[in-house]
Amino acid sequence: MSIHRRAAAGAAALCLFLAGAAQSLFAQTPPTFVRGVITSLSRTALTITGADGVPKTVSIGADTLVLQLVPAALSSLAPGETLGVTASRGSDGSLTATMINIFSPEVWRRVPGGQFPMGGGLIMTNAPVTQYAPDSNGGGALTMTYGAGSYTIAVTPKTVVHQLVMSSFSHLGMGTFVIVRGTAEADGTVQAGSITYNPSAQ
């Protein structure tokens, strides 16, 4: 798969978590995103080359998270699961899920809960599942609740589902496609807050 195709697939699958974490951890400073393949790595820094062919240096700190996307099925959606759902809004105000990430407990503790707008007219909802009612067409209706908010989101057979789990630097290697969320430094490097990868997109 080309860098361009991996970037498109990775960005679509990962934007949900990254946008939420950015609101939580970078409320005052807009986050910087670096997308591409790893072309050099050490325990303190990565070089990432994107679709433009320009290498960028990413610094790794003690608090940098490494997160992995694992393919999952709609049947994994059960009451009590904590999800991040990216959805489009219809003309009637209804929401239809395009992407769902199932959070591990460790990830959920670091994600802001609730519902808020994303770029491109999308809506993100981070909340526990209270009900998932499948239909005969392979989709269904998803109900999520966080605090006083209750959200109903339609799910279709085309909705992409992943589990988002904590991982480690040992799983990153040369050629791994990653999306880094971080803060830009004055010297042009990026201090990584999280590094997310999807093995199936390699």
N, C-alpha and C. Protein backbone atom coordinates (compact mmCIF):
# COMPACT_ATOMS: atom_id res chain seq x y z
N MET A 1 0.85 -1.19 0.00
CA MET A 1 0.00 0.00 0.00
C MET A 1 0.89 1.24 0.00
N SER A 2 0.58 2.26 -0.83
CA SER A 2 1.39 3.46 -0.93
C SER A 2 1.25 4.31 0.32
N ILE A 3 2.20 5.25 0.50
CA ILE A 3 2.12 6.16 1.64
C ILE A 3 0.84 6.96 1.57
N HIS A 4 0.44 7.39 0.33
CA HIS A 4 -0.78 8.18 0.20
C HIS A 4 -2.00 7.38 0.67
N ARG A 5 -2.10 6.12 0.25
CA ARG A 5 -3.24 5.31 0.64
C ARG A 5 -3.21 5.01 2.13
N ARG A 6 -2.01 4.73 2.66
CA ARG A 6 -1.91 4.46 4.09
C ARG A 6 -2.27 5.70 4.89
N ALA A 7 -1.85 6.87 4.41
CA ALA A 7 -2.17 8.10 5.12
C ALA A 7 -3.66 8.33 5.16
N ALA A 8 -4.35 8.08 4.04
CA ALA A 8 -5.80 8.28 4.00
C ALA A 8 -6.50 7.31 4.92
N ALA A 9 -6.11 6.03 4.86
CA ALA A 9 -6.75 5.02 5.70
C ALA A 9 -6.44 5.26 7.17
N GLY A 10 -5.17 5.58 7.45
CA GLY A 10 -4.79 5.81 8.84
C GLY A 10 -5.46 7.03 9.43
N ALA A 11 -5.51 8.11 8.66
CA ALA A 11 -6.12 9.33 9.17
C ALA A 11 -7.59 9.12 9.46
N ALA A 12 -8.28 8.39 8.58
CA ALA A 12 -9.71 8.13 8.79
C ALA A 12 -9.92 7.30 10.04
N ALA A 13 -9.09 6.30 10.25
CA ALA A 13 -9.29 5.40 11.38
C ALA A 13 -8.88 6.01 12.71
N LEU A 14 -7.94 6.95 12.67
CA LEU A 14 -7.37 7.46 13.90
C LEU A 14 -7.89 8.82 14.34
N CYS A 15 -8.54 9.56 13.45
CA CYS A 15 -8.88 10.95 13.78
C CYS A 15 -9.76 11.05 15.01
N LEU A 16 -10.59 10.05 15.24
CA LEU A 16 -11.48 10.05 16.40
C LEU A 16 -10.73 10.24 17.70
N PHE A 17 -9.79 9.33 18.00
CA PHE A 17 -9.08 9.41 19.27
C PHE A 17 -8.20 10.65 19.34
N LEU A 18 -7.50 10.93 18.25
CA LEU A 18 -6.55 12.02 18.26
C LEU A 18 -7.22 13.34 18.53
N ALA A 19 -8.36 13.57 17.92
CA ALA A 19 -9.03 14.84 18.14
C ALA A 19 -9.49 14.98 19.58
N GLY A 20 -9.99 13.90 20.17
CA GLY A 20 -10.44 13.95 21.56
C GLY A 20 -9.29 14.20 22.51
N ALA A 21 -8.19 13.48 22.31
CA ALA A 21 -7.04 13.67 23.18
C ALA A 21 -6.47 15.06 23.03
N ALA A 22 -6.53 15.58 21.81
CA ALA A 22 -6.02 16.93 21.60
C ALA A 22 -6.81 17.95 22.40
N GLN A 23 -8.13 17.82 22.43
CA GLN A 23 -8.93 18.76 23.22
C GLN A 23 -8.57 18.67 24.69
N SER A 24 -8.29 17.45 25.15
CA SER A 24 -8.00 17.25 26.57
C SER A 24 -6.61 17.74 26.95
N LEU A 25 -5.59 17.38 26.13
CA LEU A 25 -4.22 17.61 26.53
C LEU A 25 -3.64 18.89 25.96
N PHE A 26 -4.27 19.43 24.93
CA PHE A 26 -3.73 20.62 24.29
C PHE A 26 -4.81 21.67 24.16
N ALA A 27 -5.51 21.95 25.26
CA ALA A 27 -6.64 22.86 25.23
C ALA A 27 -6.21 24.28 24.86
N GLN A 28 -4.98 24.67 25.22
CA GLN A 28 -4.53 26.02 24.95
C GLN A 28 -3.75 26.12 23.65
N THR A 29 -3.06 25.08 23.25
CA THR A 29 -2.21 25.10 22.06
C THR A 29 -2.71 24.06 21.07
N PRO A 30 -3.03 24.46 19.83
CA PRO A 30 -3.48 23.49 18.84
C PRO A 30 -2.42 22.41 18.63
N PRO A 31 -2.81 21.16 18.54
CA PRO A 31 -1.84 20.09 18.36
C PRO A 31 -1.26 20.06 16.95
N THR A 32 -0.11 19.46 16.83
CA THR A 32 0.52 19.22 15.54
C THR A 32 0.43 17.73 15.24
N PHE A 33 0.09 17.39 14.00
CA PHE A 33 0.00 15.99 13.59
C PHE A 33 1.07 15.68 12.56
N VAL A 34 1.73 14.54 12.73
CA VAL A 34 2.72 14.07 11.77
C VAL A 34 2.29 12.68 11.32
N ARG A 35 2.11 12.52 10.00
CA ARG A 35 1.66 11.25 9.44
C ARG A 35 2.69 10.74 8.46
N GLY A 36 3.03 9.47 8.54
CA GLY A 36 3.98 8.90 7.60
C GLY A 36 4.56 7.61 8.11
N VAL A 37 5.64 7.16 7.45
CA VAL A 37 6.30 5.92 7.85
C VAL A 37 7.57 6.24 8.60
N ILE A 38 7.92 5.37 9.53
CA ILE A 38 9.14 5.54 10.32
C ILE A 38 10.33 5.18 9.44
N THR A 39 11.27 6.14 9.32
CA THR A 39 12.48 5.88 8.53
C THR A 39 13.74 5.83 9.39
N SER A 40 13.63 6.19 10.66
CA SER A 40 14.68 5.91 11.64
C SER A 40 14.06 6.03 13.02
N LEU A 41 14.63 5.32 13.98
CA LEU A 41 14.05 5.35 15.32
C LEU A 41 15.08 5.03 16.38
N SER A 42 14.84 5.62 17.55
CA SER A 42 15.60 5.30 18.75
C SER A 42 14.63 5.45 19.91
N ARG A 43 15.09 5.26 21.13
CA ARG A 43 14.21 5.38 22.29
C ARG A 43 13.85 6.84 22.59
N THR A 44 14.52 7.77 21.97
CA THR A 44 14.25 9.18 22.26
C THR A 44 13.71 9.96 21.07
N ALA A 45 13.75 9.38 19.87
CA ALA A 45 13.30 10.14 18.70
C ALA A 45 12.96 9.21 17.54
N LEU A 46 12.05 9.71 16.68
CA LEU A 46 11.70 9.04 15.44
C LEU A 46 11.90 10.02 14.29
N THR A 47 12.24 9.48 13.12
CA THR A 47 12.15 10.26 11.89
C THR A 47 11.00 9.68 11.09
N ILE A 48 10.06 10.54 10.71
CA ILE A 48 8.87 10.10 9.98
C ILE A 48 8.83 10.81 8.64
N THR A 49 8.67 10.03 7.58
CA THR A 49 8.60 10.58 6.23
C THR A 49 7.18 10.42 5.71
N GLY A 50 6.55 11.54 5.37
CA GLY A 50 5.17 11.52 4.91
C GLY A 50 5.07 11.45 3.41
N ALA A 51 3.85 11.65 2.91
CA ALA A 51 3.58 11.55 1.48
C ALA A 51 4.35 12.59 0.68
N ASP A 52 4.74 13.71 1.33
CA ASP A 52 5.49 14.75 0.62
C ASP A 52 6.97 14.44 0.52
N GLY A 53 7.40 13.32 1.14
CA GLY A 53 8.79 12.93 1.07
C GLY A 53 9.71 13.68 2.00
N VAL A 54 9.17 14.58 2.82
CA VAL A 54 9.99 15.39 3.72
C VAL A 54 10.08 14.72 5.09
N PRO A 55 11.27 14.36 5.55
CA PRO A 55 11.41 13.74 6.88
C PRO A 55 11.20 14.75 7.99
N LYS A 56 10.54 14.30 9.07
CA LYS A 56 10.30 15.15 10.23
C LYS A 56 10.75 14.40 11.48
N THR A 57 11.35 15.14 12.40
CA THR A 57 11.86 14.55 13.63
C THR A 57 10.81 14.66 14.73
N VAL A 58 10.56 13.56 15.41
CA VAL A 58 9.60 13.50 16.50
C VAL A 58 10.34 13.07 17.76
N SER A 59 10.26 13.89 18.80
CA SER A 59 10.90 13.56 20.08
C SER A 59 9.95 12.73 20.93
N ILE A 60 10.49 11.73 21.62
CA ILE A 60 9.71 10.84 22.46
C ILE A 60 10.04 11.12 23.92
N GLY A 61 9.01 11.34 24.72
CA GLY A 61 9.20 11.60 26.14
C GLY A 61 8.70 10.46 27.00
N ALA A 62 8.87 10.60 28.30
CA ALA A 62 8.44 9.55 29.23
C ALA A 62 6.93 9.37 29.22
N ASP A 63 6.18 10.41 28.85
CA ASP A 63 4.71 10.33 28.87
C ASP A 63 4.11 10.02 27.50
N THR A 64 4.93 9.81 26.49
CA THR A 64 4.41 9.52 25.15
C THR A 64 3.68 8.17 25.15
N LEU A 65 2.44 8.17 24.65
CA LEU A 65 1.66 6.95 24.55
C LEU A 65 1.87 6.28 23.20
N VAL A 66 1.95 4.96 23.20
CA VAL A 66 1.94 4.19 21.97
C VAL A 66 0.62 3.40 21.94
N LEU A 67 -0.17 3.61 20.90
CA LEU A 67 -1.51 3.04 20.80
C LEU A 67 -1.64 2.23 19.52
N GLN A 68 -2.32 1.10 19.62
CA GLN A 68 -2.51 0.22 18.47
C GLN A 68 -3.98 0.05 18.15
N LEU A 69 -4.29 0.09 16.85
CA LEU A 69 -5.64 -0.21 16.38
C LEU A 69 -5.72 -1.68 16.01
N VAL A 70 -6.72 -2.38 16.56
CA VAL A 70 -6.93 -3.80 16.29
C VAL A 70 -8.32 -3.96 15.67
N PRO A 71 -8.43 -4.55 14.48
CA PRO A 71 -9.75 -4.70 13.85
C PRO A 71 -10.73 -5.43 14.77
N ALA A 72 -11.97 -4.97 14.79
CA ALA A 72 -13.02 -5.58 15.61
C ALA A 72 -14.31 -5.62 14.80
N ALA A 73 -15.32 -6.27 15.36
CA ALA A 73 -16.60 -6.44 14.68
C ALA A 73 -17.69 -5.69 15.41
N LEU A 74 -18.78 -5.41 14.68
CA LEU A 74 -19.93 -4.75 15.31
C LEU A 74 -20.48 -5.56 16.47
N SER A 75 -20.30 -6.87 16.41
CA SER A 75 -20.78 -7.73 17.49
C SER A 75 -20.05 -7.46 18.81
N SER A 76 -18.92 -6.72 18.75
CA SER A 76 -18.18 -6.37 19.96
C SER A 76 -18.84 -5.25 20.75
N LEU A 77 -19.82 -4.59 20.14
CA LEU A 77 -20.48 -3.46 20.80
C LEU A 77 -21.49 -3.98 21.80
N ALA A 78 -21.16 -3.85 23.07
CA ALA A 78 -22.01 -4.39 24.13
C ALA A 78 -22.12 -3.37 25.25
N PRO A 79 -23.21 -3.39 26.01
CA PRO A 79 -23.36 -2.47 27.14
C PRO A 79 -22.15 -2.53 28.07
N GLY A 80 -21.68 -1.36 28.45
CA GLY A 80 -20.53 -1.27 29.33
C GLY A 80 -19.23 -0.97 28.60
N GLU A 81 -19.16 -1.28 27.29
CA GLU A 81 -17.97 -0.96 26.53
C GLU A 81 -17.86 0.57 26.40
N THR A 82 -16.64 1.07 26.47
CA THR A 82 -16.41 2.50 26.26
C THR A 82 -15.93 2.71 24.83
N LEU A 83 -16.59 3.63 24.13
CA LEU A 83 -16.34 3.82 22.71
C LEU A 83 -16.01 5.26 22.40
N GLY A 84 -15.33 5.44 21.27
CA GLY A 84 -15.22 6.73 20.61
C GLY A 84 -15.83 6.56 19.24
N VAL A 85 -16.86 7.34 18.93
CA VAL A 85 -17.59 7.20 17.67
C VAL A 85 -17.48 8.48 16.86
N THR A 86 -17.00 8.36 15.64
CA THR A 86 -17.03 9.46 14.69
C THR A 86 -18.27 9.30 13.83
N ALA A 87 -19.09 10.34 13.74
CA ALA A 87 -20.37 10.23 13.03
C ALA A 87 -20.62 11.46 12.16
N SER A 88 -21.37 11.24 11.09
CA SER A 88 -21.83 12.34 10.24
C SER A 88 -23.27 12.68 10.63
N ARG A 89 -23.63 13.95 10.48
CA ARG A 89 -24.97 14.38 10.84
C ARG A 89 -25.81 14.57 9.58
N GLY A 90 -26.99 13.96 9.57
CA GLY A 90 -27.91 14.08 8.46
C GLY A 90 -28.68 15.39 8.49
N SER A 91 -29.42 15.65 7.42
CA SER A 91 -30.19 16.89 7.34
C SER A 91 -31.27 16.96 8.41
N ASP A 92 -31.69 15.78 8.91
CA ASP A 92 -32.71 15.74 9.97
C ASP A 92 -32.11 15.78 11.37
N GLY A 93 -30.78 15.93 11.44
CA GLY A 93 -30.11 15.99 12.73
C GLY A 93 -29.64 14.65 13.27
N SER A 94 -30.00 13.55 12.58
CA SER A 94 -29.59 12.23 13.05
C SER A 94 -28.10 11.99 12.80
N LEU A 95 -27.50 11.10 13.60
CA LEU A 95 -26.08 10.78 13.48
C LEU A 95 -25.90 9.36 12.96
N THR A 96 -24.95 9.20 12.02
CA THR A 96 -24.61 7.88 11.49
C THR A 96 -23.11 7.66 11.67
N ALA A 97 -22.75 6.57 12.32
CA ALA A 97 -21.35 6.29 12.63
C ALA A 97 -20.58 5.91 11.38
N THR A 98 -19.43 6.53 11.20
CA THR A 98 -18.51 6.13 10.14
C THR A 98 -17.36 5.30 10.71
N MET A 99 -16.95 5.61 11.94
CA MET A 99 -15.85 4.89 12.59
C MET A 99 -16.13 4.74 14.07
N ILE A 100 -15.77 3.58 14.61
CA ILE A 100 -15.93 3.31 16.04
C ILE A 100 -14.63 2.74 16.57
N ASN A 101 -14.13 3.32 17.66
CA ASN A 101 -13.00 2.76 18.38
C ASN A 101 -13.48 2.27 19.74
N ILE A 102 -13.17 1.03 20.06
CA ILE A 102 -13.47 0.47 21.38
C ILE A 102 -12.24 0.71 22.25
N PHE A 103 -12.42 1.49 23.32
CA PHE A 103 -11.29 1.85 24.16
C PHE A 103 -10.98 0.77 25.18
N SER A 104 -9.69 0.49 25.36
CA SER A 104 -9.29 -0.32 26.50
C SER A 104 -9.45 0.54 27.75
N PRO A 105 -9.53 -0.06 28.95
CA PRO A 105 -9.67 0.75 30.18
C PRO A 105 -8.56 1.78 30.34
N GLU A 106 -7.32 1.41 29.95
CA GLU A 106 -6.20 2.34 30.11
C GLU A 106 -6.37 3.56 29.21
N VAL A 107 -6.86 3.33 27.98
CA VAL A 107 -7.06 4.45 27.06
C VAL A 107 -8.25 5.30 27.50
N TRP A 108 -9.32 4.64 27.93
CA TRP A 108 -10.52 5.39 28.33
C TRP A 108 -10.23 6.39 29.44
N ARG A 109 -9.33 6.02 30.35
CA ARG A 109 -9.01 6.92 31.46
C ARG A 109 -8.34 8.21 30.98
N ARG A 110 -7.82 8.22 29.76
CA ARG A 110 -7.10 9.39 29.24
C ARG A 110 -7.90 10.15 28.19
N VAL A 111 -9.14 9.73 27.94
CA VAL A 111 -9.95 10.33 26.88
C VAL A 111 -11.03 11.22 27.48
N PRO A 112 -11.26 12.42 26.92
CA PRO A 112 -12.35 13.27 27.42
C PRO A 112 -13.70 12.69 27.03
N GLY A 113 -14.62 12.58 27.98
CA GLY A 113 -15.94 12.04 27.69
C GLY A 113 -16.90 13.09 27.20
N GLY A 114 -17.96 12.65 26.51
CA GLY A 114 -18.99 13.55 26.02
C GLY A 114 -19.03 13.61 24.52
N GLN A 115 -19.70 14.61 24.00
CA GLN A 115 -19.88 14.77 22.55
C GLN A 115 -19.48 16.18 22.14
N PHE A 116 -18.73 16.29 21.06
CA PHE A 116 -18.29 17.59 20.59
C PHE A 116 -17.97 17.52 19.10
N PRO A 117 -17.97 18.67 18.41
CA PRO A 117 -17.73 18.68 16.96
C PRO A 117 -16.27 18.45 16.62
N MET A 118 -16.06 17.81 15.47
CA MET A 118 -14.74 17.65 14.89
C MET A 118 -14.69 18.49 13.63
N GLY A 119 -13.55 18.51 12.97
CA GLY A 119 -13.45 19.18 11.70
C GLY A 119 -14.22 18.44 10.62
N GLY A 120 -14.54 19.14 9.54
CA GLY A 120 -15.21 18.52 8.42
C GLY A 120 -16.67 18.20 8.66
N GLY A 121 -17.26 18.82 9.68
CA GLY A 121 -18.67 18.58 9.94
C GLY A 121 -18.98 17.30 10.67
N LEU A 122 -17.96 16.60 11.15
CA LEU A 122 -18.16 15.35 11.88
C LEU A 122 -18.37 15.62 13.37
N ILE A 123 -19.03 14.67 14.03
CA ILE A 123 -19.29 14.73 15.46
C ILE A 123 -18.59 13.57 16.14
N MET A 124 -17.90 13.83 17.24
CA MET A 124 -17.27 12.76 18.01
C MET A 124 -18.00 12.56 19.32
N THR A 125 -18.24 11.30 19.65
CA THR A 125 -18.88 10.93 20.92
C THR A 125 -18.00 9.92 21.63
N ASN A 126 -17.53 10.27 22.83
CA ASN A 126 -16.76 9.37 23.69
C ASN A 126 -17.61 9.05 24.91
N ALA A 127 -18.07 7.82 25.03
CA ALA A 127 -18.97 7.49 26.13
C ALA A 127 -19.15 5.98 26.22
N PRO A 128 -19.64 5.48 27.36
CA PRO A 128 -19.97 4.06 27.48
C PRO A 128 -21.25 3.72 26.71
N VAL A 129 -21.32 2.48 26.26
CA VAL A 129 -22.52 1.97 25.59
C VAL A 129 -23.56 1.59 26.64
N THR A 130 -24.80 2.04 26.45
CA THR A 130 -25.89 1.58 27.30
C THR A 130 -26.78 0.58 26.58
N GLN A 131 -26.79 0.65 25.23
CA GLN A 131 -27.57 -0.32 24.46
C GLN A 131 -27.09 -0.35 23.02
N TYR A 132 -27.02 -1.56 22.44
CA TYR A 132 -26.79 -1.69 21.01
C TYR A 132 -27.85 -2.63 20.47
N ALA A 133 -28.70 -2.11 19.56
CA ALA A 133 -29.80 -2.89 19.00
C ALA A 133 -29.50 -3.15 17.53
N PRO A 134 -29.00 -4.35 17.18
CA PRO A 134 -28.72 -4.66 15.77
C PRO A 134 -30.00 -4.79 14.96
N ASP A 135 -29.90 -4.53 13.66
CA ASP A 135 -31.05 -4.71 12.78
C ASP A 135 -30.77 -5.82 11.78
N SER A 136 -31.73 -6.11 10.94
CA SER A 136 -31.61 -7.22 9.99
C SER A 136 -30.72 -6.90 8.81
N ASN A 137 -30.29 -5.65 8.67
CA ASN A 137 -29.46 -5.24 7.54
C ASN A 137 -27.97 -5.22 7.87
N GLY A 138 -27.60 -5.67 9.05
CA GLY A 138 -26.19 -5.70 9.43
C GLY A 138 -25.73 -4.46 10.15
N GLY A 139 -26.65 -3.54 10.44
CA GLY A 139 -26.31 -2.35 11.20
C GLY A 139 -27.06 -2.33 12.51
N GLY A 140 -27.51 -1.16 12.92
CA GLY A 140 -28.28 -1.09 14.16
C GLY A 140 -28.29 0.30 14.73
N ALA A 141 -28.73 0.40 15.97
CA ALA A 141 -28.80 1.67 16.69
C ALA A 141 -27.98 1.56 17.97
N LEU A 142 -27.12 2.53 18.16
CA LEU A 142 -26.21 2.54 19.30
C LEU A 142 -26.62 3.66 20.24
N THR A 143 -26.81 3.33 21.52
CA THR A 143 -27.12 4.33 22.53
C THR A 143 -25.95 4.43 23.49
N MET A 144 -25.47 5.67 23.71
CA MET A 144 -24.33 5.92 24.59
C MET A 144 -24.71 6.99 25.60
N THR A 145 -24.18 6.87 26.81
CA THR A 145 -24.51 7.83 27.87
C THR A 145 -23.25 8.25 28.59
N TYR A 146 -23.12 9.58 28.79
CA TYR A 146 -22.01 10.10 29.58
C TYR A 146 -22.55 11.27 30.41
N GLY A 147 -22.47 11.16 31.73
CA GLY A 147 -23.02 12.20 32.59
C GLY A 147 -24.51 12.33 32.34
N ALA A 148 -24.94 13.56 32.07
CA ALA A 148 -26.36 13.80 31.81
C ALA A 148 -26.71 13.65 30.33
N GLY A 149 -25.72 13.36 29.49
CA GLY A 149 -25.97 13.28 28.05
C GLY A 149 -26.25 11.86 27.59
N SER A 150 -27.26 11.70 26.74
CA SER A 150 -27.58 10.43 26.11
C SER A 150 -27.58 10.62 24.60
N TYR A 151 -26.90 9.74 23.88
CA TYR A 151 -26.70 9.92 22.45
C TYR A 151 -27.12 8.66 21.69
N THR A 152 -27.89 8.83 20.62
CA THR A 152 -28.29 7.72 19.77
C THR A 152 -27.64 7.89 18.41
N ILE A 153 -26.95 6.86 17.96
CA ILE A 153 -26.18 6.92 16.72
C ILE A 153 -26.48 5.68 15.90
N ALA A 154 -26.81 5.86 14.63
CA ALA A 154 -27.05 4.73 13.73
C ALA A 154 -25.72 4.11 13.30
N VAL A 155 -25.71 2.80 13.17
CA VAL A 155 -24.55 2.05 12.73
C VAL A 155 -24.92 1.29 11.46
N THR A 156 -24.02 1.27 10.47
CA THR A 156 -24.28 0.57 9.21
C THR A 156 -23.23 -0.52 9.00
N PRO A 157 -23.46 -1.42 8.05
CA PRO A 157 -22.45 -2.44 7.76
C PRO A 157 -21.12 -1.86 7.31
N LYS A 158 -21.10 -0.61 6.85
CA LYS A 158 -19.87 0.02 6.39
C LYS A 158 -19.11 0.72 7.51
N THR A 159 -19.67 0.76 8.70
CA THR A 159 -18.99 1.40 9.82
C THR A 159 -17.72 0.63 10.17
N VAL A 160 -16.59 1.33 10.23
CA VAL A 160 -15.31 0.70 10.55
C VAL A 160 -15.17 0.61 12.07
N VAL A 161 -14.82 -0.59 12.57
CA VAL A 161 -14.71 -0.81 14.01
C VAL A 161 -13.30 -1.30 14.35
N HIS A 162 -12.68 -0.67 15.35
CA HIS A 162 -11.39 -1.09 15.86
C HIS A 162 -11.41 -1.09 17.38
N GLN A 163 -10.53 -1.86 17.97
CA GLN A 163 -10.18 -1.70 19.37
C GLN A 163 -8.94 -0.83 19.43
N LEU A 164 -8.89 0.12 20.35
CA LEU A 164 -7.73 0.99 20.54
C LEU A 164 -7.11 0.61 21.87
N VAL A 165 -5.90 0.06 21.82
CA VAL A 165 -5.28 -0.49 23.02
C VAL A 165 -3.89 0.09 23.23
N MET A 166 -3.45 0.06 24.47
CA MET A 166 -2.10 0.50 24.80
C MET A 166 -1.10 -0.49 24.21
N SER A 167 -0.01 0.02 23.69
CA SER A 167 1.03 -0.83 23.13
C SER A 167 2.38 -0.34 23.65
N SER A 168 3.46 -0.72 22.96
CA SER A 168 4.80 -0.33 23.42
C SER A 168 5.68 0.00 22.23
N PHE A 169 6.79 0.67 22.50
CA PHE A 169 7.71 1.06 21.44
C PHE A 169 8.33 -0.14 20.74
N SER A 170 8.36 -1.28 21.40
CA SER A 170 8.96 -2.46 20.78
C SER A 170 8.19 -2.93 19.55
N HIS A 171 6.94 -2.48 19.40
CA HIS A 171 6.14 -2.86 18.25
C HIS A 171 6.29 -1.90 17.08
N LEU A 172 7.03 -0.83 17.27
CA LEU A 172 7.29 0.10 16.18
C LEU A 172 8.58 -0.27 15.48
N GLY A 173 8.59 -0.17 14.16
CA GLY A 173 9.78 -0.52 13.42
C GLY A 173 9.90 0.30 12.15
N MET A 174 10.97 0.09 11.45
CA MET A 174 11.18 0.78 10.18
C MET A 174 10.03 0.45 9.23
N GLY A 175 9.47 1.47 8.61
CA GLY A 175 8.39 1.27 7.66
C GLY A 175 7.01 1.25 8.26
N THR A 176 6.90 1.30 9.59
CA THR A 176 5.58 1.34 10.23
C THR A 176 4.91 2.68 9.96
N PHE A 177 3.65 2.64 9.50
CA PHE A 177 2.90 3.88 9.30
C PHE A 177 2.31 4.30 10.63
N VAL A 178 2.54 5.56 10.99
CA VAL A 178 2.07 6.08 12.27
C VAL A 178 1.43 7.46 12.08
N ILE A 179 0.61 7.83 13.04
CA ILE A 179 0.14 9.20 13.17
C ILE A 179 0.54 9.67 14.57
N VAL A 180 1.29 10.74 14.60
CA VAL A 180 1.77 11.31 15.85
C VAL A 180 0.97 12.57 16.16
N ARG A 181 0.49 12.68 17.38
CA ARG A 181 -0.11 13.91 17.88
C ARG A 181 0.85 14.50 18.89
N GLY A 182 1.19 15.77 18.71
CA GLY A 182 2.14 16.36 19.64
C GLY A 182 2.15 17.88 19.58
N THR A 183 3.21 18.47 20.08
CA THR A 183 3.37 19.92 20.07
C THR A 183 4.65 20.26 19.32
N ALA A 184 4.57 21.30 18.49
CA ALA A 184 5.72 21.73 17.71
C ALA A 184 6.66 22.55 18.57
N GLU A 185 7.96 22.25 18.46
CA GLU A 185 8.98 23.00 19.17
C GLU A 185 9.56 24.07 18.26
N ALA A 186 10.28 25.02 18.86
CA ALA A 186 10.84 26.13 18.09
C ALA A 186 11.85 25.66 17.03
N ASP A 187 12.53 24.54 17.29
CA ASP A 187 13.54 24.06 16.35
C ASP A 187 12.95 23.21 15.23
N GLY A 188 11.60 23.10 15.18
CA GLY A 188 10.96 22.34 14.12
C GLY A 188 10.65 20.91 14.47
N THR A 189 11.16 20.40 15.58
CA THR A 189 10.82 19.05 16.00
C THR A 189 9.43 19.05 16.62
N VAL A 190 8.87 17.86 16.77
CA VAL A 190 7.56 17.69 17.39
C VAL A 190 7.72 16.80 18.62
N GLN A 191 7.22 17.27 19.75
CA GLN A 191 7.22 16.47 20.98
C GLN A 191 5.98 15.61 20.97
N ALA A 192 6.14 14.29 20.91
CA ALA A 192 5.02 13.38 20.72
C ALA A 192 4.22 13.20 22.00
N GLY A 193 2.89 13.42 21.92
CA GLY A 193 2.00 13.06 23.01
C GLY A 193 1.53 11.63 22.86
N SER A 194 1.23 11.25 21.60
CA SER A 194 0.83 9.87 21.32
C SER A 194 1.30 9.47 19.94
N ILE A 195 1.57 8.17 19.80
CA ILE A 195 1.95 7.58 18.52
C ILE A 195 0.99 6.41 18.29
N THR A 196 0.20 6.50 17.23
CA THR A 196 -0.80 5.47 16.97
C THR A 196 -0.50 4.76 15.66
N TYR A 197 -0.61 3.44 15.68
CA TYR A 197 -0.33 2.67 14.47
C TYR A 197 -1.38 1.60 14.27
N ASN A 198 -1.52 1.18 13.02
CA ASN A 198 -2.48 0.16 12.64
C ASN A 198 -1.73 -0.90 11.83
N PRO A 199 -1.41 -2.05 12.42
CA PRO A 199 -0.64 -3.06 11.70
C PRO A 199 -1.27 -3.48 10.38
N SER A 200 -2.59 -3.48 10.29
CA SER A 200 -3.27 -3.91 9.07
C SER A 200 -3.14 -2.90 7.95
N ALA A 201 -2.66 -1.68 8.26
CA ALA A 201 -2.52 -0.64 7.24
C ALA A 201 -1.08 -0.60 6.68
N GLN A 202 -0.23 -1.51 7.15
CA GLN A 202 1.17 -1.47 6.70
C GLN A 202 1.28 -1.95 5.27
